[in-house]
């Protein structure tokens, strides 16, 4: 039962005709288009900031543990990084090897299947 209000700052322009391409067309509402672009840009910026923080923390841990590499790092329950022990590092290396082998087998299977699709 409340009264409808239109924001005073709302501005818009309208495109009466598409540009003839298959590209996304302007919706005609500047505020909406700008907000969608802003959300996508903010998400990207936040994601890269988080990645940079994680990489910086990994470098700090490795700097205090000479001779270790990124393959020696494991995550803690608090989402921090630590150097794994020898047994844990060996298990992680085995898991990486098995994962890589599985991906290779899947790729070869897809290529074989693609080659026989017409028969």
PDB file of N, CA and C in Angstrom:
ATOM      1  N   UNK A   1       0.818  -1.178   0.000  1.00  0.00           N
ATOM      2  CA  UNK A   1       0.000   0.000   0.000  1.00  0.00           C
ATOM      3  C   UNK A   1       0.879   1.266   0.000  1.00  0.00           C
ATOM      4  N   UNK A   2       2.192   1.079  -0.090  1.00  0.00           N
ATOM      5  CA  UNK A   2       3.074   2.253  -0.055  1.00  0.00           C
ATOM      6  C   UNK A   2       3.076   2.971  -1.395  1.00  0.00           C
ATOM      7  N   UNK A   3       3.437   4.222  -1.352  1.00  0.00           N
ATOM      8  CA  UNK A   3       3.483   5.072  -2.533  1.00  0.00           C
ATOM      9  C   UNK A   3       4.720   4.726  -3.361  1.00  0.00           C
ATOM     10  N   UNK A   4       4.597   4.665  -4.671  1.00  0.00           N
ATOM     11  CA  UNK A   4       5.733   4.389  -5.544  1.00  0.00           C
ATOM     12  C   UNK A   4       6.581   5.644  -5.688  1.00  0.00           C
ATOM     13  N   UNK A   5       7.893   5.441  -5.595  1.00  0.00           N
ATOM     14  CA  UNK A   5       8.806   6.561  -5.740  1.00  0.00           C
ATOM     15  C   UNK A   5       9.819   6.243  -6.832  1.00  0.00           C
ATOM     16  N   UNK A   6      10.085   7.198  -7.672  1.00  0.00           N
ATOM     17  CA  UNK A   6      11.111   7.065  -8.702  1.00  0.00           C
ATOM     18  C   UNK A   6      12.291   7.910  -8.253  1.00  0.00           C
ATOM     19  N   UNK A   7      13.516   7.347  -8.237  1.00  0.00           N
ATOM     20  CA  UNK A   7      14.660   8.133  -7.784  1.00  0.00           C
ATOM     21  C   UNK A   7      14.855   9.369  -8.657  1.00  0.00           C
ATOM     22  N   UNK A   8      15.215  10.480  -8.021  1.00  0.00           N
ATOM     23  CA  UNK A   8      15.456  11.730  -8.746  1.00  0.00           C
ATOM     24  C   UNK A   8      16.683  11.639  -9.638  1.00  0.00           C
ATOM     25  N   UNK A   9      17.629  10.774  -9.280  1.00  0.00           N
ATOM     26  CA  UNK A   9      18.900  10.717 -10.007  1.00  0.00           C
ATOM     27  C   UNK A   9      18.877   9.730 -11.159  1.00  0.00           C
ATOM     28  N   UNK A  10      17.774   9.084 -11.403  1.00  0.00           N
ATOM     29  CA  UNK A  10      17.694   8.084 -12.463  1.00  0.00           C
ATOM     30  C   UNK A  10      17.709   8.769 -13.827  1.00  0.00           C
ATOM     31  N   UNK A  11      18.675   8.377 -14.667  1.00  0.00           N
ATOM     32  CA  UNK A  11      18.727   8.919 -16.024  1.00  0.00           C
ATOM     33  C   UNK A  11      18.756   7.753 -16.996  1.00  0.00           C
ATOM     34  N   UNK A  12      18.255   7.985 -18.150  1.00  0.00           N
ATOM     35  CA  UNK A  12      18.273   6.909 -19.132  1.00  0.00           C
ATOM     36  C   UNK A  12      18.311   7.479 -20.534  1.00  0.00           C
ATOM     37  N   UNK A  13      18.816   6.652 -21.426  1.00  0.00           N
ATOM     38  CA  UNK A  13      18.738   6.944 -22.851  1.00  0.00           C
ATOM     39  C   UNK A  13      18.262   5.662 -23.505  1.00  0.00           C
ATOM     40  N   UNK A  14      17.616   5.771 -24.623  1.00  0.00           N
ATOM     41  CA  UNK A  14      17.059   4.594 -25.250  1.00  0.00           C
ATOM     42  C   UNK A  14      17.612   4.434 -26.651  1.00  0.00           C
ATOM     43  N   UNK A  15      17.934   3.180 -26.979  1.00  0.00           N
ATOM     44  CA  UNK A  15      18.378   2.861 -28.326  1.00  0.00           C
ATOM     45  C   UNK A  15      17.167   2.282 -29.039  1.00  0.00           C
ATOM     46  N   UNK A  16      16.732   2.953 -30.078  1.00  0.00           N
ATOM     47  CA  UNK A  16      15.516   2.527 -30.762  1.00  0.00           C
ATOM     48  C   UNK A  16      15.756   1.348 -31.691  1.00  0.00           C
ATOM     49  N   UNK A  17      16.979   1.153 -32.130  1.00  0.00           N
ATOM     50  CA  UNK A  17      17.269   0.133 -33.113  1.00  0.00           C
ATOM     51  C   UNK A  17      18.576  -0.554 -32.733  1.00  0.00           C
ATOM     52  N   UNK A  18      18.633  -1.872 -32.887  1.00  0.00           N
ATOM     53  CA  UNK A  18      19.866  -2.599 -32.613  1.00  0.00           C
ATOM     54  C   UNK A  18      20.936  -2.241 -33.618  1.00  0.00           C
ATOM     55  N   UNK A  19      22.169  -2.636 -33.305  1.00  0.00           N
ATOM     56  CA  UNK A  19      23.268  -2.290 -34.211  1.00  0.00           C
ATOM     57  C   UNK A  19      23.491  -3.346 -35.298  1.00  0.00           C
ATOM     58  N   UNK A  20      22.652  -4.359 -35.345  1.00  0.00           N
ATOM     59  CA  UNK A  20      22.736  -5.362 -36.401  1.00  0.00           C
ATOM     60  C   UNK A  20      23.722  -6.494 -36.128  1.00  0.00           C
ATOM     61  N   UNK A  21      24.390  -6.467 -34.976  1.00  0.00           N
ATOM     62  CA  UNK A  21      25.344  -7.535 -34.653  1.00  0.00           C
ATOM     63  C   UNK A  21      24.708  -8.497 -33.667  1.00  0.00           C
ATOM     64  N   UNK A  22      25.429  -9.579 -33.374  1.00  0.00           N
ATOM     65  CA  UNK A  22      24.941 -10.522 -32.363  1.00  0.00           C
ATOM     66  C   UNK A  22      25.476 -10.168 -30.980  1.00  0.00           C
ATOM     67  N   UNK A  23      26.196  -9.061 -30.873  1.00  0.00           N
ATOM     68  CA  UNK A  23      26.707  -8.617 -29.576  1.00  0.00           C
ATOM     69  C   UNK A  23      25.559  -8.185 -28.682  1.00  0.00           C
ATOM     70  N   UNK A  24      25.770  -8.228 -27.348  1.00  0.00           N
ATOM     71  CA  UNK A  24      24.712  -7.763 -26.453  1.00  0.00           C
ATOM     72  C   UNK A  24      24.345  -6.322 -26.773  1.00  0.00           C
ATOM     73  N   UNK A  25      23.072  -6.062 -26.827  1.00  0.00           N
ATOM     74  CA  UNK A  25      22.600  -4.718 -27.146  1.00  0.00           C
ATOM     75  C   UNK A  25      22.471  -3.897 -25.872  1.00  0.00           C
ATOM     76  N   UNK A  26      22.554  -2.608 -26.012  1.00  0.00           N
ATOM     77  CA  UNK A  26      22.324  -1.691 -24.914  1.00  0.00           C
ATOM     78  C   UNK A  26      20.864  -1.845 -24.505  1.00  0.00           C
ATOM     79  N   UNK A  27      20.611  -2.019 -23.219  1.00  0.00           N
ATOM     80  CA  UNK A  27      19.227  -2.198 -22.769  1.00  0.00           C
ATOM     81  C   UNK A  27      18.448  -0.906 -22.860  1.00  0.00           C
ATOM     82  N   UNK A  28      19.159   0.214 -23.001  1.00  0.00           N
ATOM     83  CA  UNK A  28      18.491   1.501 -23.037  1.00  0.00           C
ATOM     84  C   UNK A  28      18.410   2.141 -21.672  1.00  0.00           C
ATOM     85  N   UNK A  29      18.872   1.428 -20.654  1.00  0.00           N
ATOM     86  CA  UNK A  29      18.831   1.974 -19.306  1.00  0.00           C
ATOM     87  C   UNK A  29      20.264   2.065 -18.807  1.00  0.00           C
ATOM     88  N   UNK A  30      20.828   3.272 -18.866  1.00  0.00           N
ATOM     89  CA  UNK A  30      22.236   3.465 -18.515  1.00  0.00           C
ATOM     90  C   UNK A  30      22.576   2.948 -17.129  1.00  0.00           C
ATOM     91  N   UNK A  31      21.736   3.215 -16.165  1.00  0.00           N
ATOM     92  CA  UNK A  31      22.027   2.833 -14.790  1.00  0.00           C
ATOM     93  C   UNK A  31      22.181   1.320 -14.678  1.00  0.00           C
ATOM     94  N   UNK A  32      21.284   0.566 -15.310  1.00  0.00           N
ATOM     95  CA  UNK A  32      21.357  -0.893 -15.239  1.00  0.00           C
ATOM     96  C   UNK A  32      22.632  -1.406 -15.883  1.00  0.00           C
ATOM     97  N   UNK A  33      22.925  -0.938 -17.085  1.00  0.00           N
ATOM     98  CA  UNK A  33      24.130  -1.391 -17.783  1.00  0.00           C
ATOM     99  C   UNK A  33      25.377  -1.075 -16.976  1.00  0.00           C
ATOM    100  N   UNK A  34      25.444   0.121 -16.421  1.00  0.00           N
ATOM    101  CA  UNK A  34      26.610   0.528 -15.638  1.00  0.00           C
ATOM    102  C   UNK A  34      26.731  -0.312 -14.373  1.00  0.00           C
ATOM    103  N   UNK A  35      25.611  -0.631 -13.726  1.00  0.00           N
ATOM    104  CA  UNK A  35      25.658  -1.431 -12.498  1.00  0.00           C
ATOM    105  C   UNK A  35      26.153  -2.846 -12.768  1.00  0.00           C
ATOM    106  N   UNK A  36      25.703  -3.454 -13.857  1.00  0.00           N
ATOM    107  CA  UNK A  36      26.153  -4.803 -14.200  1.00  0.00           C
ATOM    108  C   UNK A  36      27.657  -4.781 -14.452  1.00  0.00           C
ATOM    109  N   UNK A  37      28.118  -3.810 -15.222  1.00  0.00           N
ATOM    110  CA  UNK A  37      29.554  -3.694 -15.484  1.00  0.00           C
ATOM    111  C   UNK A  37      30.331  -3.475 -14.188  1.00  0.00           C
ATOM    112  N   UNK A  38      29.780  -2.676 -13.299  1.00  0.00           N
ATOM    113  CA  UNK A  38      30.435  -2.391 -12.019  1.00  0.00           C
ATOM    114  C   UNK A  38      30.549  -3.657 -11.172  1.00  0.00           C
ATOM    115  N   UNK A  39      29.497  -4.454 -11.126  1.00  0.00           N
ATOM    116  CA  UNK A  39      29.499  -5.688 -10.342  1.00  0.00           C
ATOM    117  C   UNK A  39      30.554  -6.646 -10.883  1.00  0.00           C
ATOM    118  N   UNK A  40      30.604  -6.805 -12.193  1.00  0.00           N
ATOM    119  CA  UNK A  40      31.591  -7.696 -12.800  1.00  0.00           C
ATOM    120  C   UNK A  40      33.006  -7.190 -12.516  1.00  0.00           C
ATOM    121  N   UNK A  41      33.213  -5.882 -12.665  1.00  0.00           N
ATOM    122  CA  UNK A  41      34.519  -5.305 -12.401  1.00  0.00           C
ATOM    123  C   UNK A  41      34.934  -5.444 -10.943  1.00  0.00           C
ATOM    124  N   UNK A  42      34.003  -5.219 -10.022  1.00  0.00           N
ATOM    125  CA  UNK A  42      34.304  -5.365  -8.592  1.00  0.00           C
ATOM    126  C   UNK A  42      34.656  -6.799  -8.249  1.00  0.00           C
ATOM    127  N   UNK A  43      33.914  -7.752  -8.798  1.00  0.00           N
ATOM    128  CA  UNK A  43      34.201  -9.158  -8.535  1.00  0.00           C
ATOM    129  C   UNK A  43      35.600  -9.516  -9.022  1.00  0.00           C
ATOM    130  N   UNK A  44      35.926  -9.091 -10.216  1.00  0.00           N
ATOM    131  CA  UNK A  44      37.248  -9.373 -10.773  1.00  0.00           C
ATOM    132  C   UNK A  44      38.343  -8.750  -9.913  1.00  0.00           C
ATOM    133  N   UNK A  45      38.158  -7.515  -9.538  1.00  0.00           N
ATOM    134  CA  UNK A  45      39.145  -6.815  -8.714  1.00  0.00           C
ATOM    135  C   UNK A  45      39.336  -7.515  -7.373  1.00  0.00           C
ATOM    136  N   UNK A  46      38.228  -7.896  -6.730  1.00  0.00           N
ATOM    137  CA  UNK A  46      38.306  -8.596  -5.445  1.00  0.00           C
ATOM    138  C   UNK A  46      38.991  -9.947  -5.585  1.00  0.00           C
ATOM    139  N   UNK A  47      38.692 -10.666  -6.669  1.00  0.00           N
ATOM    140  CA  UNK A  47      39.308 -11.976  -6.884  1.00  0.00           C
ATOM    141  C   UNK A  47      40.811 -11.847  -7.036  1.00  0.00           C
ATOM    142  N   UNK A  48      41.260 -10.885  -7.849  1.00  0.00           N
ATOM    143  CA  UNK A  48      42.702 -10.703  -8.047  1.00  0.00           C
ATOM    144  C   UNK A  48      43.379 -10.238  -6.766  1.00  0.00           C
ATOM    145  N   UNK A  49      42.709  -9.428  -5.968  1.00  0.00           N
ATOM    146  CA  UNK A  49      43.268  -9.002  -4.683  1.00  0.00           C
ATOM    147  C   UNK A  49      43.469 -10.206  -3.775  1.00  0.00           C
ATOM    148  N   UNK A  50      42.475 -11.100  -3.715  1.00  0.00           N
ATOM    149  CA  UNK A  50      42.584 -12.306  -2.896  1.00  0.00           C
ATOM    150  C   UNK A  50      43.721 -13.200  -3.385  1.00  0.00           C
ATOM    151  N   UNK A  51      43.842 -13.371  -4.691  1.00  0.00           N
ATOM    152  CA  UNK A  51      44.917 -14.204  -5.256  1.00  0.00           C
ATOM    153  C   UNK A  51      46.276 -13.622  -4.891  1.00  0.00           C
ATOM    154  N   UNK A  52      46.413 -12.305  -5.001  1.00  0.00           N
ATOM    155  CA  UNK A  52      47.684 -11.655  -4.668  1.00  0.00           C
ATOM    156  C   UNK A  52      48.027 -11.820  -3.191  1.00  0.00           C
ATOM    157  N   UNK A  53      47.029 -11.756  -2.315  1.00  0.00           N
ATOM    158  CA  UNK A  53      47.265 -11.952  -0.880  1.00  0.00           C
ATOM    159  C   UNK A  53      47.740 -13.379  -0.604  1.00  0.00           C
ATOM    160  N   UNK A  54      47.083 -14.374  -1.227  1.00  0.00           N
ATOM    161  CA  UNK A  54      47.493 -15.767  -1.021  1.00  0.00           C
ATOM    162  C   UNK A  54      48.911 -15.996  -1.514  1.00  0.00           C
ATOM    163  N   UNK A  55      49.227 -15.476  -2.710  1.00  0.00           N
ATOM    164  CA  UNK A  55      50.578 -15.657  -3.257  1.00  0.00           C
ATOM    165  C   UNK A  55      51.621 -14.966  -2.392  1.00  0.00           C
ATOM    166  N   UNK A  56      51.296 -13.805  -1.852  1.00  0.00           N
ATOM    167  CA  UNK A  56      52.213 -13.087  -0.969  1.00  0.00           C
ATOM    168  C   UNK A  56      52.475 -13.902   0.299  1.00  0.00           C
ATOM    169  N   UNK A  57      51.427 -14.491   0.858  1.00  0.00           N
ATOM    170  CA  UNK A  57      51.585 -15.311   2.072  1.00  0.00           C
ATOM    171  C   UNK A  57      52.435 -16.545   1.770  1.00  0.00           C
ATOM    172  N   UNK A  58      52.210 -17.177   0.614  1.00  0.00           N
ATOM    173  CA  UNK A  58      53.024 -18.341   0.228  1.00  0.00           C
ATOM    174  C   UNK A  58      54.496 -17.946   0.127  1.00  0.00           C
ATOM    175  N   UNK A  59      54.771 -16.791  -0.499  1.00  0.00           N
ATOM    176  CA  UNK A  59      56.160 -16.336  -0.619  1.00  0.00           C
ATOM    177  C   UNK A  59      56.779 -16.107   0.757  1.00  0.00           C
ATOM    178  N   UNK A  60      56.007 -15.556   1.699  1.00  0.00           N
ATOM    179  CA  UNK A  60      56.510 -15.342   3.061  1.00  0.00           C
ATOM    180  C   UNK A  60      56.888 -16.666   3.717  1.00  0.00           C
ATOM    181  N   UNK A  61      56.028 -17.675   3.585  1.00  0.00           N
ATOM    182  CA  UNK A  61      56.306 -18.983   4.193  1.00  0.00           C
ATOM    183  C   UNK A  61      57.544 -19.603   3.546  1.00  0.00           C
ATOM    184  N   UNK A  62      57.640 -19.509   2.219  1.00  0.00           N
ATOM    185  CA  UNK A  62      58.800 -20.084   1.529  1.00  0.00           C
ATOM    186  C   UNK A  62      60.088 -19.336   1.864  1.00  0.00           C
ATOM    187  N   UNK A  63      59.997 -18.031   2.049  1.00  0.00           N
ATOM    188  CA  UNK A  63      61.183 -17.229   2.387  1.00  0.00           C
ATOM    189  C   UNK A  63      61.782 -17.682   3.723  1.00  0.00           C
ATOM    190  N   UNK A  64      60.910 -18.091   4.662  1.00  0.00           N
ATOM    191  CA  UNK A  64      61.398 -18.530   5.975  1.00  0.00           C
ATOM    192  C   UNK A  64      61.742 -20.013   5.996  1.00  0.00           C
ATOM    193  N   UNK A  65      61.592 -20.688   4.848  1.00  0.00           N
ATOM    194  CA  UNK A  65      61.919 -22.117   4.739  1.00  0.00           C
ATOM    195  C   UNK A  65      62.746 -22.349   3.482  1.00  0.00           C
ATOM    196  N   UNK A  66      64.027 -21.963   3.515  1.00  0.00           N
ATOM    197  CA  UNK A  66      64.873 -22.111   2.323  1.00  0.00           C
ATOM    198  C   UNK A  66      64.918 -23.554   1.833  1.00  0.00           C
ATOM    199  N   UNK A  67      64.992 -23.706   0.534  1.00  0.00           N
ATOM    200  CA  UNK A  67      65.056 -25.036  -0.060  1.00  0.00           C
ATOM    201  C   UNK A  67      63.694 -25.668  -0.306  1.00  0.00           C
ATOM    202  N   UNK A  68      62.645 -25.025   0.127  1.00  0.00           N
ATOM    203  CA  UNK A  68      61.295 -25.554  -0.091  1.00  0.00           C
ATOM    204  C   UNK A  68      60.670 -24.846  -1.288  1.00  0.00           C
ATOM    205  N   UNK A  69      59.707 -25.520  -1.922  1.00  0.00           N
ATOM    206  CA  UNK A  69      59.012 -24.949  -3.074  1.00  0.00           C
ATOM    207  C   UNK A  69      57.507 -24.928  -2.786  1.00  0.00           C
ATOM    208  N   UNK A  70      56.752 -24.419  -3.727  1.00  0.00           N
ATOM    209  CA  UNK A  70      55.303 -24.397  -3.580  1.00  0.00           C
ATOM    210  C   UNK A  70      54.703 -25.783  -3.427  1.00  0.00           C
ATOM    211  N   UNK A  71      55.381 -26.805  -3.954  1.00  0.00           N
ATOM    212  CA  UNK A  71      54.884 -28.181  -3.811  1.00  0.00           C
ATOM    213  C   UNK A  71      55.017 -28.685  -2.383  1.00  0.00           C
ATOM    214  N   UNK A  72      55.807 -27.993  -1.556  1.00  0.00           N
ATOM    215  CA  UNK A  72      55.971 -28.385  -0.151  1.00  0.00           C
ATOM    216  C   UNK A  72      54.922 -27.744   0.756  1.00  0.00           C
ATOM    217  N   UNK A  73      54.115 -26.848   0.201  1.00  0.00           N
ATOM    218  CA  UNK A  73      53.148 -26.130   1.025  1.00  0.00           C
ATOM    219  C   UNK A  73      51.815 -26.866   1.125  1.00  0.00           C
ATOM    220  N   UNK A  74      51.233 -26.787   2.301  1.00  0.00           N
ATOM    221  CA  UNK A  74      49.898 -27.319   2.540  1.00  0.00           C
ATOM    222  C   UNK A  74      49.094 -26.244   3.245  1.00  0.00           C
ATOM    223  N   UNK A  75      47.790 -26.389   3.269  1.00  0.00           N
ATOM    224  CA  UNK A  75      46.926 -25.409   3.939  1.00  0.00           C
ATOM    225  C   UNK A  75      46.592 -25.875   5.347  1.00  0.00           C
ATOM    226  N   UNK A  76      46.447 -24.895   6.220  1.00  0.00           N
ATOM    227  CA  UNK A  76      46.007 -25.188   7.581  1.00  0.00           C
ATOM    228  C   UNK A  76      44.483 -25.076   7.638  1.00  0.00           C
ATOM    229  N   UNK A  77      43.917 -25.436   8.756  1.00  0.00           N
ATOM    230  CA  UNK A  77      42.469 -25.337   8.948  1.00  0.00           C
ATOM    231  C   UNK A  77      42.024 -23.871   8.846  1.00  0.00           C
ATOM    232  N   UNK A  78      42.912 -22.959   9.217  1.00  0.00           N
ATOM    233  CA  UNK A  78      42.589 -21.529   9.187  1.00  0.00           C
ATOM    234  C   UNK A  78      42.843 -20.911   7.809  1.00  0.00           C
ATOM    235  N   UNK A  79      43.096 -21.740   6.794  1.00  0.00           N
ATOM    236  CA  UNK A  79      43.394 -21.277   5.431  1.00  0.00           C
ATOM    237  C   UNK A  79      44.704 -20.509   5.326  1.00  0.00           C
ATOM    238  N   UNK A  80      45.657 -20.848   6.185  1.00  0.00           N
ATOM    239  CA  UNK A  80      47.005 -20.297   6.085  1.00  0.00           C
ATOM    240  C   UNK A  80      47.863 -21.359   5.402  1.00  0.00           C
ATOM    241  N   UNK A  81      49.133 -21.093   5.244  1.00  0.00           N
ATOM    242  CA  UNK A  81      50.025 -22.050   4.588  1.00  0.00           C
ATOM    243  C   UNK A  81      51.112 -22.495   5.536  1.00  0.00           C
ATOM    244  N   UNK A  82      51.550 -23.742   5.356  1.00  0.00           N
ATOM    245  CA  UNK A  82      52.613 -24.325   6.168  1.00  0.00           C
ATOM    246  C   UNK A  82      53.408 -25.288   5.302  1.00  0.00           C
ATOM    247  N   UNK A  83      54.583 -25.649   5.766  1.00  0.00           N
ATOM    248  CA  UNK A  83      55.406 -26.629   5.057  1.00  0.00           C
ATOM    249  C   UNK A  83      54.987 -28.018   5.530  1.00  0.00           C
ATOM    250  N   UNK A  84      54.708 -28.904   4.577  1.00  0.00           N
ATOM    251  CA  UNK A  84      54.287 -30.267   4.905  1.00  0.00           C
ATOM    252  C   UNK A  84      55.489 -31.103   5.327  1.00  0.00           C
ATOM    253  N   UNK A  85      55.215 -32.134   6.108  1.00  0.00           N
ATOM    254  CA  UNK A  85      56.242 -33.108   6.459  1.00  0.00           C
ATOM    255  C   UNK A  85      56.529 -34.018   5.265  1.00  0.00           C
ATOM    256  N   UNK A  86      57.566 -34.834   5.381  1.00  0.00           N
ATOM    257  CA  UNK A  86      57.992 -35.693   4.271  1.00  0.00           C
ATOM    258  C   UNK A  86      56.909 -36.665   3.805  1.00  0.00           C
ATOM    259  N   UNK A  87      56.216 -37.334   4.752  1.00  0.00           N
ATOM    260  CA  UNK A  87      55.182 -38.303   4.374  1.00  0.00           C
ATOM    261  C   UNK A  87      54.007 -37.608   3.681  1.00  0.00           C
ATOM    262  N   UNK A  88      53.617 -36.465   4.218  1.00  0.00           N
ATOM    263  CA  UNK A  88      52.500 -35.723   3.634  1.00  0.00           C
ATOM    264  C   UNK A  88      52.871 -35.195   2.246  1.00  0.00           C
ATOM    265  N   UNK A  89      54.104 -34.720   2.110  1.00  0.00           N
ATOM    266  CA  UNK A  89      54.578 -34.227   0.801  1.00  0.00           C
ATOM    267  C   UNK A  89      54.571 -35.361  -0.215  1.00  0.00           C
ATOM    268  N   UNK A  90      55.019 -36.545   0.189  1.00  0.00           N
ATOM    269  CA  UNK A  90      55.032 -37.705  -0.710  1.00  0.00           C
ATOM    270  C   UNK A  90      53.615 -38.074  -1.133  1.00  0.00           C
ATOM    271  N   UNK A  91      52.669 -38.051  -0.188  1.00  0.00           N
ATOM    272  CA  UNK A  91      51.272 -38.367  -0.509  1.00  0.00           C
ATOM    273  C   UNK A  91      50.694 -37.321  -1.459  1.00  0.00           C
ATOM    274  N   UNK A  92      51.031 -36.056  -1.252  1.00  0.00           N
ATOM    275  CA  UNK A  92      50.543 -34.996  -2.129  1.00  0.00           C
ATOM    276  C   UNK A  92      51.118 -35.161  -3.533  1.00  0.00           C
ATOM    277  N   UNK A  93      52.382 -35.538  -3.622  1.00  0.00           N
ATOM    278  CA  UNK A  93      53.010 -35.752  -4.931  1.00  0.00           C
ATOM    279  C   UNK A  93      52.353 -36.929  -5.652  1.00  0.00           C
ATOM    280  N   UNK A  94      52.045 -37.983  -4.921  1.00  0.00           N
ATOM    281  CA  UNK A  94      51.341 -39.124  -5.507  1.00  0.00           C
ATOM    282  C   UNK A  94      49.971 -38.703  -6.021  1.00  0.00           C
ATOM    283  N   UNK A  95      49.251 -37.910  -5.243  1.00  0.00           N
ATOM    284  CA  UNK A  95      47.923 -37.437  -5.654  1.00  0.00           C
ATOM    285  C   UNK A  95      48.026 -36.581  -6.909  1.00  0.00           C
ATOM    286  N   UNK A  96      49.040 -35.692  -6.978  1.00  0.00           N
ATOM    287  CA  UNK A  96      49.213 -34.851  -8.172  1.00  0.00           C
ATOM    288  C   UNK A  96      49.527 -35.709  -9.398  1.00  0.00           C
ATOM    289  N   UNK A  97      50.351 -36.718  -9.218  1.00  0.00           N
ATOM    290  CA  UNK A  97      50.707 -37.605 -10.329  1.00  0.00           C
ATOM    291  C   UNK A  97      49.482 -38.369 -10.824  1.00  0.00           C
ATOM    292  N   UNK A  98      48.695 -38.913  -9.895  1.00  0.00           N
ATOM    293  CA  UNK A  98      47.485 -39.655 -10.273  1.00  0.00           C
ATOM    294  C   UNK A  98      46.475 -38.739 -10.964  1.00  0.00           C
ATOM    295  N   UNK A  99      46.341 -37.528 -10.464  1.00  0.00           N
ATOM    296  CA  UNK A  99      45.421 -36.564 -11.066  1.00  0.00           C
ATOM    297  C   UNK A  99      45.843 -36.244 -12.503  1.00  0.00           C
ATOM    298  N   UNK A 100      47.116 -36.001 -12.687  1.00  0.00           N
ATOM    299  CA  UNK A 100      47.633 -35.688 -14.020  1.00  0.00           C
ATOM    300  C   UNK A 100      47.429 -36.863 -14.975  1.00  0.00           C
ATOM    301  N   UNK A 101      47.693 -38.059 -14.486  1.00  0.00           N
ATOM    302  CA  UNK A 101      47.506 -39.260 -15.309  1.00  0.00           C
ATOM    303  C   UNK A 101      46.031 -39.436 -15.681  1.00  0.00           C
ATOM    304  N   UNK A 102      45.134 -39.190 -14.730  1.00  0.00           N
ATOM    305  CA  UNK A 102      43.695 -39.307 -15.007  1.00  0.00           C
ATOM    306  C   UNK A 102      43.269 -38.305 -16.075  1.00  0.00           C
ATOM    307  N   UNK A 103      43.752 -37.064 -15.983  1.00  0.00           N
ATOM    308  CA  UNK A 103      43.410 -36.055 -16.984  1.00  0.00           C
ATOM    309  C   UNK A 103      43.941 -36.449 -18.364  1.00  0.00           C
ATOM    310  N   UNK A 104      45.150 -36.989 -18.414  1.00  0.00           N
ATOM    311  CA  UNK A 104      45.713 -37.456 -19.686  1.00  0.00           C
ATOM    312  C   UNK A 104      44.870 -38.577 -20.290  1.00  0.00           C
ATOM    313  N   UNK A 105      44.436 -39.526 -19.444  1.00  0.00           N
ATOM    314  CA  UNK A 105      43.609 -40.628 -19.939  1.00  0.00           C
ATOM    315  C   UNK A 105      42.268 -40.120 -20.472  1.00  0.00           C
ATOM    316  N   UNK A 106      41.676 -39.169 -19.762  1.00  0.00           N
ATOM    317  CA  UNK A 106      40.402 -38.595 -20.211  1.00  0.00           C
ATOM    318  C   UNK A 106      40.586 -37.904 -21.549  1.00  0.00           C
ATOM    319  N   UNK A 107      41.671 -37.145 -21.673  1.00  0.00           N
ATOM    320  CA  UNK A 107      41.954 -36.436 -22.923  1.00  0.00           C
ATOM    321  C   UNK A 107      42.138 -37.423 -24.080  1.00  0.00           C
ATOM    322  N   UNK A 108      42.900 -38.498 -23.840  1.00  0.00           N
ATOM    323  CA  UNK A 108      43.098 -39.508 -24.903  1.00  0.00           C
ATOM    324  C   UNK A 108      41.780 -40.186 -25.256  1.00  0.00           C
ATOM    325  N   UNK A 109      40.943 -40.472 -24.259  1.00  0.00           N
ATOM    326  CA  UNK A 109      39.649 -41.098 -24.500  1.00  0.00           C
ATOM    327  C   UNK A 109      38.762 -40.186 -25.345  1.00  0.00           C
ATOM    328  N   UNK A 110      38.759 -38.874 -25.019  1.00  0.00           N
ATOM    329  CA  UNK A 110      37.933 -37.932 -25.797  1.00  0.00           C
ATOM    330  C   UNK A 110      38.413 -37.860 -27.242  1.00  0.00           C
ATOM    331  N   UNK A 111      39.722 -37.870 -27.450  1.00  0.00           N
ATOM    332  CA  UNK A 111      40.269 -37.812 -28.809  1.00  0.00           C
ATOM    333  C   UNK A 111      39.912 -39.065 -29.591  1.00  0.00           C
ATOM    334  N   UNK A 112      40.004 -40.235 -28.944  1.00  0.00           N
ATOM    335  CA  UNK A 112      39.631 -41.506 -29.591  1.00  0.00           C
ATOM    336  C   UNK A 112      38.146 -41.499 -29.939  1.00  0.00           C
ATOM    337  N   UNK A 113      37.344 -41.054 -29.009  1.00  0.00           N
ATOM    338  CA  UNK A 113      35.894 -41.035 -29.219  1.00  0.00           C
ATOM    339  C   UNK A 113      35.524 -40.064 -30.347  1.00  0.00           C
ATOM    340  N   UNK A 114      36.191 -38.929 -30.393  1.00  0.00           N
ATOM    341  CA  UNK A 114      35.938 -37.943 -31.430  1.00  0.00           C
ATOM    342  C   UNK A 114      36.310 -38.506 -32.807  1.00  0.00           C
ATOM    343  N   UNK A 115      37.369 -39.280 -32.869  1.00  0.00           N
ATOM    344  CA  UNK A 115      37.811 -39.868 -34.126  1.00  0.00           C
ATOM    345  C   UNK A 115      36.883 -40.943 -34.643  1.00  0.00           C
ATOM    346  N   UNK A 116      36.085 -41.555 -33.760  1.00  0.00           N
ATOM    347  CA  UNK A 116      35.169 -42.629 -34.181  1.00  0.00           C
ATOM    348  C   UNK A 116      33.727 -42.163 -34.221  1.00  0.00           C
ATOM    349  N   UNK A 117      33.483 -40.870 -34.063  1.00  0.00           N
ATOM    350  CA  UNK A 117      32.111 -40.358 -33.987  1.00  0.00           C
ATOM    351  C   UNK A 117      31.323 -40.623 -35.265  1.00  0.00           C
ATOM    352  N   UNK A 118      31.988 -40.614 -36.427  1.00  0.00           N
ATOM    353  CA  UNK A 118      31.273 -40.780 -37.691  1.00  0.00           C
ATOM    354  C   UNK A 118      31.010 -42.221 -38.062  1.00  0.00           C
ATOM    355  N   UNK A 119      31.540 -43.175 -37.305  1.00  0.00           N
ATOM    356  CA  UNK A 119      31.354 -44.587 -37.714  1.00  0.00           C
ATOM    357  C   UNK A 119      30.214 -45.244 -37.019  1.00  0.00           C
TER     358      UNK A 119
END
